[in-house]
N, C-alpha and C. Protein backbone atom coordinates (compact mmCIF):
# COMPACT_ATOMS: atom_id res chain seq x y z
N MET A 1 -75.04 62.61 -59.40
CA MET A 1 -73.64 62.97 -59.51
C MET A 1 -73.44 64.38 -58.96
N PRO A 2 -72.45 64.58 -58.09
CA PRO A 2 -72.25 65.91 -57.52
C PRO A 2 -71.78 66.91 -58.58
N ILE A 3 -72.08 68.16 -58.33
CA ILE A 3 -71.68 69.21 -59.26
C ILE A 3 -70.17 69.35 -59.29
N ILE A 4 -69.59 69.45 -58.11
CA ILE A 4 -68.16 69.66 -57.99
C ILE A 4 -67.59 68.56 -57.12
N LYS A 5 -66.59 67.89 -57.62
CA LYS A 5 -65.97 66.81 -56.86
C LYS A 5 -64.90 67.41 -55.95
N GLY A 6 -64.57 66.73 -54.88
CA GLY A 6 -63.48 67.17 -54.02
C GLY A 6 -63.84 67.09 -52.55
N ASP A 7 -62.84 66.93 -51.74
CA ASP A 7 -63.03 66.77 -50.31
C ASP A 7 -63.59 68.01 -49.64
N VAL A 8 -63.47 69.16 -50.26
CA VAL A 8 -63.90 70.41 -49.62
C VAL A 8 -65.41 70.40 -49.35
N ARG A 9 -66.19 69.71 -50.17
CA ARG A 9 -67.64 69.67 -49.93
C ARG A 9 -67.95 69.07 -48.57
N GLU A 10 -67.30 67.98 -48.24
CA GLU A 10 -67.54 67.33 -46.94
C GLU A 10 -67.00 68.20 -45.80
N TYR A 11 -65.84 68.78 -46.01
CA TYR A 11 -65.19 69.60 -44.99
C TYR A 11 -66.06 70.78 -44.57
N TYR A 12 -66.71 71.40 -45.54
CA TYR A 12 -67.50 72.60 -45.28
C TYR A 12 -68.99 72.33 -45.12
N ARG A 13 -69.41 71.10 -45.23
CA ARG A 13 -70.83 70.78 -45.22
C ARG A 13 -71.57 71.41 -44.04
N ASN A 14 -71.05 71.29 -42.84
CA ASN A 14 -71.75 71.78 -41.65
C ASN A 14 -71.08 72.99 -41.01
N TRP A 15 -70.16 73.59 -41.74
CA TRP A 15 -69.43 74.73 -41.19
C TRP A 15 -70.32 75.96 -41.10
N LYS A 16 -70.20 76.65 -40.00
CA LYS A 16 -70.89 77.93 -39.83
C LYS A 16 -69.83 78.99 -39.58
N GLU A 17 -69.97 80.13 -40.22
CA GLU A 17 -69.00 81.20 -40.01
C GLU A 17 -68.96 81.54 -38.53
N GLY A 18 -67.77 81.79 -38.04
CA GLY A 18 -67.58 82.10 -36.64
C GLY A 18 -67.06 80.92 -35.84
N GLU A 19 -66.94 79.76 -36.47
CA GLU A 19 -66.42 78.57 -35.79
C GLU A 19 -64.96 78.35 -36.17
N GLY A 20 -64.17 77.90 -35.21
CA GLY A 20 -62.77 77.55 -35.49
C GLY A 20 -61.97 78.73 -35.99
N ASP A 21 -60.98 78.44 -36.80
CA ASP A 21 -60.15 79.49 -37.39
C ASP A 21 -60.90 80.06 -38.60
N ASP A 22 -61.87 80.86 -38.29
CA ASP A 22 -62.84 81.31 -39.28
C ASP A 22 -62.22 82.01 -40.47
N GLU A 23 -61.36 82.98 -40.25
CA GLU A 23 -60.82 83.77 -41.36
C GLU A 23 -59.98 82.91 -42.29
N HIS A 24 -59.14 82.05 -41.74
CA HIS A 24 -58.32 81.17 -42.57
C HIS A 24 -59.20 80.23 -43.40
N ARG A 25 -60.16 79.64 -42.76
CA ARG A 25 -61.06 78.70 -43.44
C ARG A 25 -61.85 79.42 -44.53
N HIS A 26 -62.31 80.61 -44.22
CA HIS A 26 -63.08 81.40 -45.19
C HIS A 26 -62.23 81.72 -46.42
N ARG A 27 -61.01 82.15 -46.20
CA ARG A 27 -60.14 82.48 -47.32
C ARG A 27 -59.83 81.26 -48.17
N CYS A 28 -59.63 80.11 -47.52
CA CYS A 28 -59.41 78.87 -48.27
C CYS A 28 -60.62 78.53 -49.12
N LEU A 29 -61.80 78.71 -48.58
CA LEU A 29 -63.02 78.41 -49.32
C LEU A 29 -63.21 79.39 -50.48
N VAL A 30 -62.90 80.65 -50.27
CA VAL A 30 -62.97 81.64 -51.36
C VAL A 30 -62.06 81.20 -52.50
N ARG A 31 -60.82 80.82 -52.17
CA ARG A 31 -59.88 80.38 -53.21
C ARG A 31 -60.38 79.12 -53.91
N TRP A 32 -60.99 78.20 -53.15
CA TRP A 32 -61.51 76.97 -53.75
C TRP A 32 -62.62 77.29 -54.75
N VAL A 33 -63.54 78.19 -54.37
CA VAL A 33 -64.63 78.55 -55.28
C VAL A 33 -64.07 79.22 -56.53
N ILE A 34 -63.06 80.06 -56.37
CA ILE A 34 -62.43 80.71 -57.53
C ILE A 34 -61.83 79.65 -58.45
N GLN A 35 -61.13 78.66 -57.88
CA GLN A 35 -60.55 77.59 -58.70
C GLN A 35 -61.65 76.83 -59.44
N LYS A 36 -62.73 76.53 -58.75
CA LYS A 36 -63.85 75.82 -59.38
C LYS A 36 -64.50 76.68 -60.45
N ARG A 37 -64.55 77.99 -60.23
CA ARG A 37 -65.12 78.89 -61.24
C ARG A 37 -64.30 78.82 -62.53
N ILE A 38 -63.00 78.73 -62.38
CA ILE A 38 -62.13 78.63 -63.55
C ILE A 38 -62.36 77.30 -64.27
N GLU A 39 -62.48 76.21 -63.51
CA GLU A 39 -62.68 74.88 -64.07
C GLU A 39 -64.07 74.69 -64.67
N ASP A 40 -65.08 75.19 -63.96
CA ASP A 40 -66.48 74.94 -64.35
C ASP A 40 -67.34 76.06 -63.77
N ARG A 41 -67.45 77.13 -64.52
CA ARG A 41 -68.16 78.30 -64.01
C ARG A 41 -69.60 78.00 -63.61
N ASP A 42 -70.31 77.25 -64.44
CA ASP A 42 -71.70 76.91 -64.13
C ASP A 42 -71.78 76.05 -62.87
N GLY A 43 -70.88 75.09 -62.74
CA GLY A 43 -70.86 74.24 -61.56
C GLY A 43 -70.60 75.03 -60.29
N ALA A 44 -69.69 75.98 -60.35
CA ALA A 44 -69.40 76.81 -59.19
C ALA A 44 -70.63 77.66 -58.83
N TYR A 45 -71.29 78.19 -59.83
CA TYR A 45 -72.51 78.97 -59.59
C TYR A 45 -73.57 78.10 -58.91
N ARG A 46 -73.77 76.89 -59.43
CA ARG A 46 -74.78 76.01 -58.85
C ARG A 46 -74.39 75.57 -57.44
N TRP A 47 -73.11 75.38 -57.17
CA TRP A 47 -72.66 75.02 -55.82
C TRP A 47 -73.01 76.14 -54.84
N LEU A 48 -72.84 77.37 -55.28
CA LEU A 48 -73.16 78.52 -54.42
C LEU A 48 -74.66 78.73 -54.28
N ASN A 49 -75.42 78.57 -55.35
CA ASN A 49 -76.82 78.99 -55.36
C ASN A 49 -77.85 77.87 -55.44
N GLY A 50 -77.39 76.64 -55.53
CA GLY A 50 -78.31 75.52 -55.63
C GLY A 50 -78.73 75.27 -57.06
N TYR A 51 -79.45 74.17 -57.27
CA TYR A 51 -79.88 73.81 -58.61
C TYR A 51 -81.00 72.78 -58.53
N ILE A 52 -81.66 72.58 -59.64
CA ILE A 52 -82.68 71.55 -59.77
C ILE A 52 -82.12 70.50 -60.73
N ASP A 53 -82.07 69.24 -60.27
CA ASP A 53 -81.50 68.19 -61.10
C ASP A 53 -82.50 67.73 -62.17
N ASP A 54 -82.08 66.79 -62.98
CA ASP A 54 -82.90 66.31 -64.10
C ASP A 54 -84.20 65.65 -63.64
N ALA A 55 -84.22 65.17 -62.40
CA ALA A 55 -85.43 64.54 -61.86
C ALA A 55 -86.34 65.56 -61.19
N GLY A 56 -85.97 66.85 -61.22
CA GLY A 56 -86.79 67.89 -60.64
C GLY A 56 -86.57 68.13 -59.15
N ARG A 57 -85.55 67.50 -58.58
CA ARG A 57 -85.25 67.69 -57.16
C ARG A 57 -84.37 68.92 -56.97
N HIS A 58 -84.72 69.72 -55.98
CA HIS A 58 -83.93 70.91 -55.66
C HIS A 58 -82.80 70.54 -54.72
N HIS A 59 -81.62 71.02 -55.03
CA HIS A 59 -80.45 70.83 -54.18
C HIS A 59 -80.00 72.20 -53.70
N LYS A 60 -79.93 72.36 -52.40
CA LYS A 60 -79.55 73.64 -51.83
C LYS A 60 -78.08 73.92 -52.09
N GLY A 61 -77.79 75.19 -52.29
CA GLY A 61 -76.42 75.64 -52.46
C GLY A 61 -75.90 76.24 -51.16
N TRP A 62 -74.65 76.65 -51.20
CA TRP A 62 -74.01 77.27 -50.04
C TRP A 62 -74.85 78.41 -49.48
N ASN A 63 -75.32 79.28 -50.36
CA ASN A 63 -76.08 80.45 -49.91
C ASN A 63 -77.39 80.07 -49.24
N ASP A 64 -77.98 78.96 -49.64
CA ASP A 64 -79.20 78.47 -48.99
C ASP A 64 -78.89 77.93 -47.59
N LEU A 65 -77.77 77.28 -47.47
CA LEU A 65 -77.41 76.62 -46.21
C LEU A 65 -76.74 77.55 -45.21
N HIS A 66 -76.20 78.64 -45.70
CA HIS A 66 -75.44 79.57 -44.84
C HIS A 66 -75.94 81.00 -45.07
N LYS A 67 -77.14 81.26 -44.61
CA LYS A 67 -77.74 82.59 -44.78
C LYS A 67 -76.83 83.64 -44.15
N GLY A 68 -76.66 84.74 -44.83
CA GLY A 68 -75.84 85.83 -44.32
C GLY A 68 -74.35 85.65 -44.56
N SER A 69 -73.97 84.58 -45.25
CA SER A 69 -72.56 84.34 -45.54
C SER A 69 -72.02 85.41 -46.47
N ARG A 70 -70.78 85.75 -46.29
CA ARG A 70 -70.13 86.73 -47.16
C ARG A 70 -69.30 86.05 -48.25
N LEU A 71 -69.43 84.73 -48.38
CA LEU A 71 -68.61 83.98 -49.32
C LEU A 71 -68.71 84.50 -50.74
N GLU A 72 -69.91 84.59 -51.29
CA GLU A 72 -70.05 85.00 -52.68
C GLU A 72 -69.53 86.42 -52.89
N GLN A 73 -69.78 87.29 -51.95
CA GLN A 73 -69.28 88.67 -52.04
C GLN A 73 -67.75 88.67 -52.07
N ASP A 74 -67.11 87.88 -51.21
CA ASP A 74 -65.64 87.84 -51.19
C ASP A 74 -65.07 87.16 -52.42
N VAL A 75 -65.76 86.17 -52.97
CA VAL A 75 -65.31 85.56 -54.22
C VAL A 75 -65.30 86.61 -55.32
N ARG A 76 -66.37 87.37 -55.43
CA ARG A 76 -66.44 88.42 -56.46
C ARG A 76 -65.36 89.48 -56.25
N ASP A 77 -65.16 89.87 -54.99
CA ASP A 77 -64.16 90.89 -54.66
C ASP A 77 -62.75 90.40 -55.01
N GLN A 78 -62.42 89.19 -54.58
CA GLN A 78 -61.09 88.65 -54.86
C GLN A 78 -60.88 88.44 -56.36
N TRP A 79 -61.89 87.97 -57.06
CA TRP A 79 -61.79 87.79 -58.51
C TRP A 79 -61.51 89.12 -59.19
N SER A 80 -62.22 90.17 -58.77
CA SER A 80 -62.03 91.48 -59.40
C SER A 80 -60.64 92.05 -59.12
N LYS A 81 -60.01 91.60 -58.05
CA LYS A 81 -58.66 92.05 -57.70
C LYS A 81 -57.58 91.17 -58.34
N GLY A 82 -58.00 90.16 -59.09
CA GLY A 82 -57.03 89.32 -59.81
C GLY A 82 -56.68 88.02 -59.13
N ASN A 83 -57.31 87.70 -58.00
CA ASN A 83 -57.05 86.43 -57.32
C ASN A 83 -57.62 85.31 -58.18
N ARG A 84 -56.78 84.31 -58.48
CA ARG A 84 -57.24 83.17 -59.28
C ARG A 84 -57.13 81.86 -58.51
N GLY A 85 -57.16 81.97 -57.18
CA GLY A 85 -57.26 80.78 -56.33
C GLY A 85 -55.95 80.12 -56.00
N THR A 86 -54.84 80.79 -56.21
CA THR A 86 -53.55 80.23 -55.86
C THR A 86 -53.44 80.10 -54.36
N GLU A 87 -52.90 78.99 -53.90
CA GLU A 87 -52.78 78.74 -52.47
C GLU A 87 -52.11 79.91 -51.76
N GLY A 88 -52.74 80.38 -50.70
CA GLY A 88 -52.20 81.47 -49.89
C GLY A 88 -52.47 82.87 -50.42
N GLU A 89 -53.03 82.98 -51.62
CA GLU A 89 -53.26 84.29 -52.23
C GLU A 89 -54.46 84.98 -51.61
N TRP A 90 -54.29 86.23 -51.26
CA TRP A 90 -55.38 87.07 -50.77
C TRP A 90 -55.03 88.51 -51.08
N LYS A 91 -55.94 89.22 -51.72
CA LYS A 91 -55.65 90.60 -52.15
C LYS A 91 -56.58 91.58 -51.50
């Protein structure tokens, strides 16, 4: 069973920073992670950093798949500025 449900997982599965409308996509993803953090903090953490399931299998997280990504840093920054994932919000 996936940690976090939603179409965004498929949308971002193979995304690399620097492709397409990078800044818009990045900000949308930051807001999505913030929303997931509010709904399920542990799930959002595991989505970012990976986890080991009950059968002992390791599942890579965003940070494993996208080395050098600034996603987690921007999530922390936006959270500290009061962003709670509202559509279009960026501080």
